[in-house]
C-alpha atoms as a PDB file:
ATOM      1  CA  MET A   1     -11.049  23.099 -34.867  1.00  0.00           C
ATOM      2  CA  HIS A   2     -13.868  25.407 -34.343  1.00  0.00           C
ATOM      3  CA  ASP A   3     -15.861  25.819 -37.615  1.00  0.00           C
ATOM      4  CA  GLU A   4     -15.040  22.211 -37.982  1.00  0.00           C
ATOM      5  CA  GLN A   5     -17.401  22.006 -34.640  1.00  0.00           C
ATOM      6  CA  ASN A   6     -19.897  24.939 -36.380  1.00  0.00           C
ATOM      7  CA  SER A   7     -20.589  23.353 -39.172  1.00  0.00           C
ATOM      8  CA  THR A   8     -21.782  20.254 -37.534  1.00  0.00           C
ATOM      9  CA  ARG A   9     -23.830  22.001 -35.550  1.00  0.00           C
ATOM     10  CA  PRO A  10     -27.491  22.149 -36.399  1.00  0.00           C
ATOM     11  CA  PRO A  11     -29.145  24.557 -36.983  1.00  0.00           C
ATOM     12  CA  MET A  12     -30.615  27.333 -33.731  1.00  0.00           C
ATOM     13  CA  ARG A  13     -34.427  25.777 -34.085  1.00  0.00           C
ATOM     14  CA  GLN A  14     -34.020  22.582 -36.736  1.00  0.00           C
ATOM     15  CA  ILE A  15     -37.008  19.642 -36.520  1.00  0.00           C
ATOM     16  CA  ARG A  16     -35.212  16.868 -35.109  1.00  0.00           C
ATOM     17  CA  ALA A  17     -36.665  13.069 -34.196  1.00  0.00           C
ATOM     18  CA  ALA A  18     -37.342   9.857 -35.584  1.00  0.00           C
ATOM     19  CA  HIS A  19     -39.057  10.001 -38.084  1.00  0.00           C
ATOM     20  CA  THR A  20     -40.181   8.109 -41.730  1.00  0.00           C
ATOM     21  CA  ALA A  21     -41.721   8.923 -44.594  1.00  0.00           C
ATOM     22  CA  THR A  22     -45.357   8.978 -43.557  1.00  0.00           C
ATOM     23  CA  THR A  23     -44.655   9.033 -39.616  1.00  0.00           C
ATOM     24  CA  VAL A  24     -43.046  10.758 -37.141  1.00  0.00           C
ATOM     25  CA  THR A  25     -42.329   9.609 -33.214  1.00  0.00           C
ATOM     26  CA  VAL A  26     -43.458  11.978 -30.717  1.00  0.00           C
ATOM     27  CA  TYR A  27     -42.654  11.403 -26.580  1.00  0.00           C
ATOM     28  CA  GLN A  28     -44.937  11.682 -23.839  1.00  0.00           C
ATOM     29  CA  ALA A  29     -44.773  11.385 -20.286  1.00  0.00           C
ATOM     30  CA  TYR A  30     -48.100  10.449 -17.937  1.00  0.00           C
ATOM     31  CA  ALA A  31     -48.889   7.794 -14.542  1.00  0.00           C
ATOM     32  CA  PRO A  32     -48.703   4.174 -14.894  1.00  0.00           C
ATOM     33  CA  HIS A  33     -52.901   4.838 -15.329  1.00  0.00           C
ATOM     34  CA  LEU A  34     -53.199   6.609 -19.087  1.00  0.00           C
ATOM     35  CA  GLY A  35     -49.400   5.719 -19.947  1.00  0.00           C
ATOM     36  CA  LEU A  36     -49.727   1.973 -19.340  1.00  0.00           C
ATOM     37  CA  PRO A  37     -53.798   0.654 -21.201  1.00  0.00           C
ATOM     38  CA  ALA A  38     -52.018   3.357 -23.523  1.00  0.00           C
ATOM     39  CA  ALA A  39     -49.125   1.254 -24.099  1.00  0.00           C
ATOM     40  CA  ARG A  40     -51.320  -2.201 -24.660  1.00  0.00           C
ATOM     41  CA  ASP A  41     -54.060  -1.400 -26.834  1.00  0.00           C
ATOM     42  CA  GLY A  42     -51.424   0.825 -28.934  1.00  0.00           C
ATOM     43  CA  ARG A  43     -54.440   4.403 -28.113  1.00  0.00           C
ATOM     44  CA  PHE A  44     -55.194   6.474 -25.490  1.00  0.00           C
ATOM     45  CA  PRO A  45     -58.151   5.384 -22.574  1.00  0.00           C
ATOM     46  CA  ALA A  46     -61.232   7.058 -22.434  1.00  0.00           C
ATOM     47  CA  ALA A  47     -59.282   8.940 -19.019  1.00  0.00           C
ATOM     48  CA  TRP A  48     -57.017  11.025 -21.231  1.00  0.00           C
ATOM     49  CA  LYS A  49     -58.634  14.258 -21.079  1.00  0.00           C
ATOM     50  CA  ARG A  50     -59.069  15.323 -24.733  1.00  0.00           C
ATOM     51  CA  GLU A  51     -60.504  18.232 -23.690  1.00  0.00           C
ATOM     52  CA  ARG A  52     -56.460  19.907 -21.888  1.00  0.00           C
ATOM     53  CA  MET A  53     -53.685  21.064 -24.211  1.00  0.00           C
ATOM     54  CA  THR A  54     -50.168  18.054 -25.189  1.00  0.00           C
ATOM     55  CA  TRP A  55     -47.787  18.969 -24.833  1.00  0.00           C
ATOM     56  CA  ILE A  56     -45.226  16.464 -27.374  1.00  0.00           C
ATOM     57  CA  LYS A  57     -41.878  16.419 -28.088  1.00  0.00           C
ATOM     58  CA  PRO A  58     -39.714  14.638 -30.713  1.00  0.00           C
ATOM     59  CA  SER A  59     -36.514  14.567 -28.270  1.00  0.00           C
ATOM     60  CA  PHE A  60     -35.788  11.574 -26.368  1.00  0.00           C
ATOM     61  CA  LEU A  61     -33.282  13.519 -24.766  1.00  0.00           C
ATOM     62  CA  TRP A  62     -35.879  16.487 -24.140  1.00  0.00           C
ATOM     63  CA  MET A  63     -37.932  14.428 -22.540  1.00  0.00           C
ATOM     64  CA  MET A  64     -36.498  12.657 -19.889  1.00  0.00           C
ATOM     65  CA  TYR A  65     -35.090  16.302 -18.687  1.00  0.00           C
ATOM     66  CA  ARG A  66     -38.918  17.305 -18.932  1.00  0.00           C
ATOM     67  CA  CYS A  67     -39.151  13.811 -17.161  1.00  0.00           C
ATOM     68  CA  GLY A  68     -36.160  13.335 -15.384  1.00  0.00           C
ATOM     69  CA  TRP A  69     -35.946  10.027 -16.824  1.00  0.00           C
ATOM     70  CA  ALA A  70     -39.264   8.108 -15.764  1.00  0.00           C
ATOM     71  CA  THR A  71     -38.840   9.682 -12.144  1.00  0.00           C
ATOM     72  CA  LYS A  72     -41.085  13.050 -12.087  1.00  0.00           C
ATOM     73  CA  ALA A  73     -44.379  11.908  -9.866  1.00  0.00           C
ATOM     74  CA  ASP A  74     -46.893  11.409 -12.506  1.00  0.00           C
ATOM     75  CA  GLN A  75     -44.104  10.956 -15.295  1.00  0.00           C
ATOM     76  CA  GLU A  76     -43.817   7.872 -14.745  1.00  0.00           C
ATOM     77  CA  THR A  77     -44.408   6.037 -18.116  1.00  0.00           C
ATOM     78  CA  VAL A  78     -42.452   7.348 -20.680  1.00  0.00           C
ATOM     79  CA  LEU A  79     -44.306   6.507 -24.487  1.00  0.00           C
ATOM     80  CA  ALA A  80     -43.093   6.547 -27.597  1.00  0.00           C
ATOM     81  CA  VAL A  81     -46.116   7.382 -29.534  1.00  0.00           C
ATOM     82  CA  GLU A  82     -45.403   7.866 -33.281  1.00  0.00           C
ATOM     83  CA  ILE A  83     -48.046   9.764 -35.827  1.00  0.00           C
ATOM     84  CA  THR A  84     -49.235  10.486 -39.079  1.00  0.00           C
ATOM     85  CA  ARG A  85     -47.010  13.311 -41.191  1.00  0.00           C
ATOM     86  CA  GLU A  86     -49.915  14.451 -42.339  1.00  0.00           C
ATOM     87  CA  GLY A  87     -50.847  15.025 -38.561  1.00  0.00           C
ATOM     88  CA  PHE A  88     -47.403  16.349 -37.913  1.00  0.00           C
ATOM     89  CA  ASP A  89     -47.219  19.021 -40.773  1.00  0.00           C
ATOM     90  CA  HIS A  90     -50.917  19.498 -40.041  1.00  0.00           C
ATOM     91  CA  ALA A  91     -50.044  20.601 -36.411  1.00  0.00           C
ATOM     92  CA  LEU A  92     -47.269  23.212 -37.327  1.00  0.00           C
ATOM     93  CA  ARG A  93     -48.565  24.243 -39.752  1.00  0.00           C
ATOM     94  CA  HIS A  94     -51.456  26.359 -38.397  1.00  0.00           C
ATOM     95  CA  ALA A  95     -49.432  26.556 -34.832  1.00  0.00           C
ATOM     96  CA  CYS A  96     -48.162  29.877 -33.470  1.00  0.00           C
ATOM     97  CA  LEU A  97     -45.516  30.541 -30.838  1.00  0.00           C
ATOM     98  CA  SER A  98     -45.956  30.760 -27.663  1.00  0.00           C
ATOM     99  CA  HIS A  99     -44.409  33.621 -27.260  1.00  0.00           C
ATOM    100  CA  PHE A 100     -44.829  36.688 -29.313  1.00  0.00           C
ATOM    101  CA  GLU A 101     -41.715  37.617 -31.735  1.00  0.00           C
ATOM    102  CA  SER A 102     -40.992  40.343 -33.262  1.00  0.00           C
ATOM    103  CA  GLY A 103     -38.541  39.636 -36.467  1.00  0.00           C
ATOM    104  CA  THR A 104     -41.754  36.913 -36.772  1.00  0.00           C
ATOM    105  CA  HIS A 105     -45.498  38.733 -36.257  1.00  0.00           C
ATOM    106  CA  THR A 106     -46.068  42.069 -37.411  1.00  0.00           C
ATOM    107  CA  GLY A 107     -47.581  42.977 -33.803  1.00  0.00           C
ATOM    108  CA  ARG A 108     -48.567  42.280 -30.739  1.00  0.00           C
ATOM    109  CA  GLU A 109     -51.791  42.530 -31.503  1.00  0.00           C
ATOM    110  CA  ASP A 110     -51.469  40.135 -33.947  1.00  0.00           C
ATOM    111  CA  TRP A 111     -49.449  37.749 -32.490  1.00  0.00           C
ATOM    112  CA  GLN A 112     -52.237  37.505 -29.416  1.00  0.00           C
ATOM    113  CA  ARG A 113     -55.141  36.458 -32.305  1.00  0.00           C
ATOM    114  CA  ALA A 114     -53.282  33.569 -33.865  1.00  0.00           C
ATOM    115  CA  LEU A 115     -52.417  32.580 -30.888  1.00  0.00           C
ATOM    116  CA  ARG A 116     -56.245  32.401 -29.532  1.00  0.00           C
ATOM    117  CA  GLU A 117     -57.477  31.022 -33.476  1.00  0.00           C
ATOM    118  CA  ALA A 118     -54.164  28.141 -33.171  1.00  0.00           C
ATOM    119  CA  PRO A 119     -55.179  24.915 -32.311  1.00  0.00           C
ATOM    120  CA  ALA A 120     -51.385  24.998 -31.514  1.00  0.00           C
ATOM    121  CA  ARG A 121     -48.452  26.967 -30.773  1.00  0.00           C
ATOM    122  CA  VAL A 122     -45.719  25.655 -31.183  1.00  0.00           C
ATOM    123  CA  GLN A 123     -41.950  26.398 -28.439  1.00  0.00           C
ATOM    124  CA  TRP A 124     -38.647  26.320 -28.661  1.00  0.00           C
ATOM    125  CA  ASP A 125     -36.802  24.971 -25.233  1.00  0.00           C
ATOM    126  CA  PRO A 126     -32.971  24.080 -25.473  1.00  0.00           C
ATOM    127  CA  GLU A 127     -31.712  20.780 -26.470  1.00  0.00           C
ATOM    128  CA  ARG A 128     -30.362  18.227 -23.512  1.00  0.00           C
ATOM    129  CA  ASP A 129     -27.153  15.964 -23.902  1.00  0.00           C
ATOM    130  CA  LEU A 130     -26.835  12.663 -22.360  1.00  0.00           C
ATOM    131  CA  HIS A 131     -26.203  14.810 -18.066  1.00  0.00           C
ATOM    132  CA  LEU A 132     -29.472  16.361 -18.770  1.00  0.00           C
ATOM    133  CA  ASN A 133     -27.975  20.099 -19.668  1.00  0.00           C
ATOM    134  CA  PRO A 134     -28.850  22.541 -22.332  1.00  0.00           C
ATOM    135  CA  LEU A 135     -27.520  22.594 -25.669  1.00  0.00           C
ATOM    136  CA  PRO A 136     -26.277  25.492 -27.473  1.00  0.00           C
ATOM    137  CA  TYR A 137     -29.517  25.001 -29.972  1.00  0.00           C
ATOM    138  CA  ARG A 138     -33.075  24.429 -29.453  1.00  0.00           C
ATOM    139  CA  SER A 139     -35.371  21.855 -30.022  1.00  0.00           C
ATOM    140  CA  LEU A 140     -40.001  21.363 -30.737  1.00  0.00           C
ATOM    141  CA  GLN A 141     -41.604  21.398 -28.549  1.00  0.00           C
ATOM    142  CA  LEU A 142     -45.422  21.083 -29.952  1.00  0.00           C
ATOM    143  CA  GLY A 143     -48.966  21.990 -27.633  1.00  0.00           C
ATOM    144  CA  LEU A 144     -51.748  20.619 -29.119  1.00  0.00           C
ATOM    145  CA  SER A 145     -55.998  21.756 -27.787  1.00  0.00           C
ATOM    146  CA  GLY A 146     -58.722  21.408 -29.071  1.00  0.00           C
ATOM    147  CA  PRO A 147     -59.787  19.338 -32.767  1.00  0.00           C
ATOM    148  CA  ALA A 148     -55.504  19.038 -32.745  1.00  0.00           C
ATOM    149  CA  SER A 149     -55.071  17.002 -29.040  1.00  0.00           C
ATOM    150  CA  ARG A 150     -58.471  15.017 -30.110  1.00  0.00           C
ATOM    151  CA  ALA A 151     -56.998  14.311 -33.997  1.00  0.00           C
ATOM    152  CA  TYR A 152     -53.741  13.341 -32.729  1.00  0.00           C
ATOM    153  CA  ALA A 153     -55.135  10.988 -30.186  1.00  0.00           C
ATOM    154  CA  ASP A 154     -57.579   9.993 -32.102  1.00  0.00           C
ATOM    155  CA  GLU A 155     -56.665  10.038 -36.061  1.00  0.00           C
ATOM    156  CA  TRP A 156     -53.001  10.681 -35.749  1.00  0.00           C
ATOM    157  CA  THR A 157     -51.989   7.900 -33.505  1.00  0.00           C
ATOM    158  CA  VAL A 158     -49.918   4.934 -35.234  1.00  0.00           C
ATOM    159  CA  SER A 159     -48.283   3.318 -32.045  1.00  0.00           C
ATOM    160  CA  ILE A 160     -48.131   4.028 -28.285  1.00  0.00           C
ATOM    161  CA  ARG A 161     -44.485   1.930 -27.158  1.00  0.00           C
ATOM    162  CA  ASP A 162     -43.183   2.327 -23.098  1.00  0.00           C
ATOM    163  CA  VAL A 163     -39.898   3.361 -23.595  1.00  0.00           C
ATOM    164  CA  THR A 164     -39.295   3.923 -19.151  1.00  0.00           C
ATOM    165  CA  PRO A 165     -37.570   0.361 -19.788  1.00  0.00           C
ATOM    166  CA  LEU A 166     -35.081   2.387 -22.503  1.00  0.00           C
ATOM    167  CA  ALA A 167     -35.707   5.952 -20.374  1.00  0.00           C
ATOM    168  CA  ARG A 168     -33.970   3.487 -17.285  1.00  0.00           C
ATOM    169  CA  GLN A 169     -31.344   1.538 -18.950  1.00  0.00           C
ATOM    170  CA  ILE A 170     -29.983   5.137 -20.801  1.00  0.00           C
ATOM    171  CA  HIS A 171     -30.152   6.493 -17.243  1.00  0.00           C
ATOM    172  CA  ALA A 172     -27.920   4.392 -15.380  1.00  0.00           C
ATOM    173  CA  LEU A 173     -25.646   3.646 -18.113  1.00  0.00           C
ATOM    174  CA  VAL A 174     -25.307   7.774 -17.326  1.00  0.00           C
ATOM    175  CA  ARG A 175     -25.402   6.995 -13.929  1.00  0.00           C
ATOM    176  CA  SER A 176     -21.830   4.447 -14.299  1.00  0.00           C
ATOM    177  CA  GLY A 177     -20.216   6.602 -16.576  1.00  0.00           C
ATOM    178  CA  ASP A 178     -20.461   4.685 -19.142  1.00  0.00           C
ATOM    179  CA  ASP A 179     -21.567   7.600 -21.968  1.00  0.00           C
ATOM    180  CA  ALA A 180     -20.359   5.324 -24.920  1.00  0.00           C
ATOM    181  CA  ALA A 181     -22.856   2.927 -24.193  1.00  0.00           C
ATOM    182  CA  ALA A 182     -26.207   4.817 -22.874  1.00  0.00           C
ATOM    183  CA  ARG A 183     -25.290   7.006 -26.242  1.00  0.00           C
ATOM    184  CA  ALA A 184     -25.805   3.696 -28.810  1.00  0.00           C
ATOM    185  CA  LEU A 185     -28.916   3.035 -27.244  1.00  0.00           C
ATOM    186  CA  LEU A 186     -30.300   6.884 -27.595  1.00  0.00           C
ATOM    187  CA  PRO A 187     -33.275   6.373 -30.977  1.00  0.00           C
ATOM    188  CA  VAL A 188     -31.933   8.345 -33.947  1.00  0.00           C
ATOM    189  CA  GLU A 189     -33.224  11.620 -34.609  1.00  0.00           C
ATOM    190  CA  THR A 190     -31.485  13.567 -37.383  1.00  0.00           C
ATOM    191  CA  PRO A 191     -33.203  16.316 -39.532  1.00  0.00           C
ATOM    192  CA  CYS A 192     -37.263  16.166 -40.166  1.00  0.00           C
ATOM    193  CA  PRO A 193     -38.463  18.391 -42.710  1.00  0.00           C
ATOM    194  CA  ALA A 194     -41.480  19.703 -42.470  1.00  0.00           C
ATOM    195  CA  GLY A 195     -41.930  22.990 -45.299  1.00  0.00           C
ATOM    196  CA  PRO A 196     -41.310  26.772 -44.331  1.00  0.00           C
ATOM    197  CA  LEU A 197     -42.195  27.049 -40.768  1.00  0.00           C
ATOM    198  CA  ALA A 198     -41.185  30.748 -41.205  1.00  0.00           C
ATOM    199  CA  HIS A 199     -44.130  32.133 -39.097  1.00  0.00           C
ATOM    200  CA  LEU A 200     -42.784  29.543 -36.373  1.00  0.00           C
ATOM    201  CA  GLY A 201     -39.547  32.120 -36.256  1.00  0.00           C
ATOM    202  CA  ALA A 202     -37.660  29.129 -37.921  1.00  0.00           C
END
């Protein structure tokens, strides 16, 4: 039984997402004054700060952990942002880990230089279960800055949906103890082929 459980556990670092042959869905949470216009118009409004680093998350449950099921201040609107695979893969190819790893980087100075120059950075944070408890494997968080942030907002985005009602519905089922019904509503996230990721420790 133990071996069977291990065989079904995802690798420690793996990109899992709702995806098609041409797109990947990621999640972000914003205050309503940004999130609602973005969902309405299918693109980020002019007020969205394109010069700032923005973090995108392919894991719905990690987003729920981060925004507290859309209850935290300035994170009350949860968006599902469908972006091009081309843009997503480009960001990964040019990303750098946000922290130094001796097994991944040749030296701390090389890592610091790569981090300064990279338009994207990656963190691998514990995936979450329905109750937002950490799981023993990791989920991708992808930070975009400079040209990558602008491309994400103005070139890569295919569609933007407000999934706040879904988040609230799933949360209500979890609170009522109906985990099976809650799990049935979760977006289907499967391993997302993304090319060699050795430079990201995966």
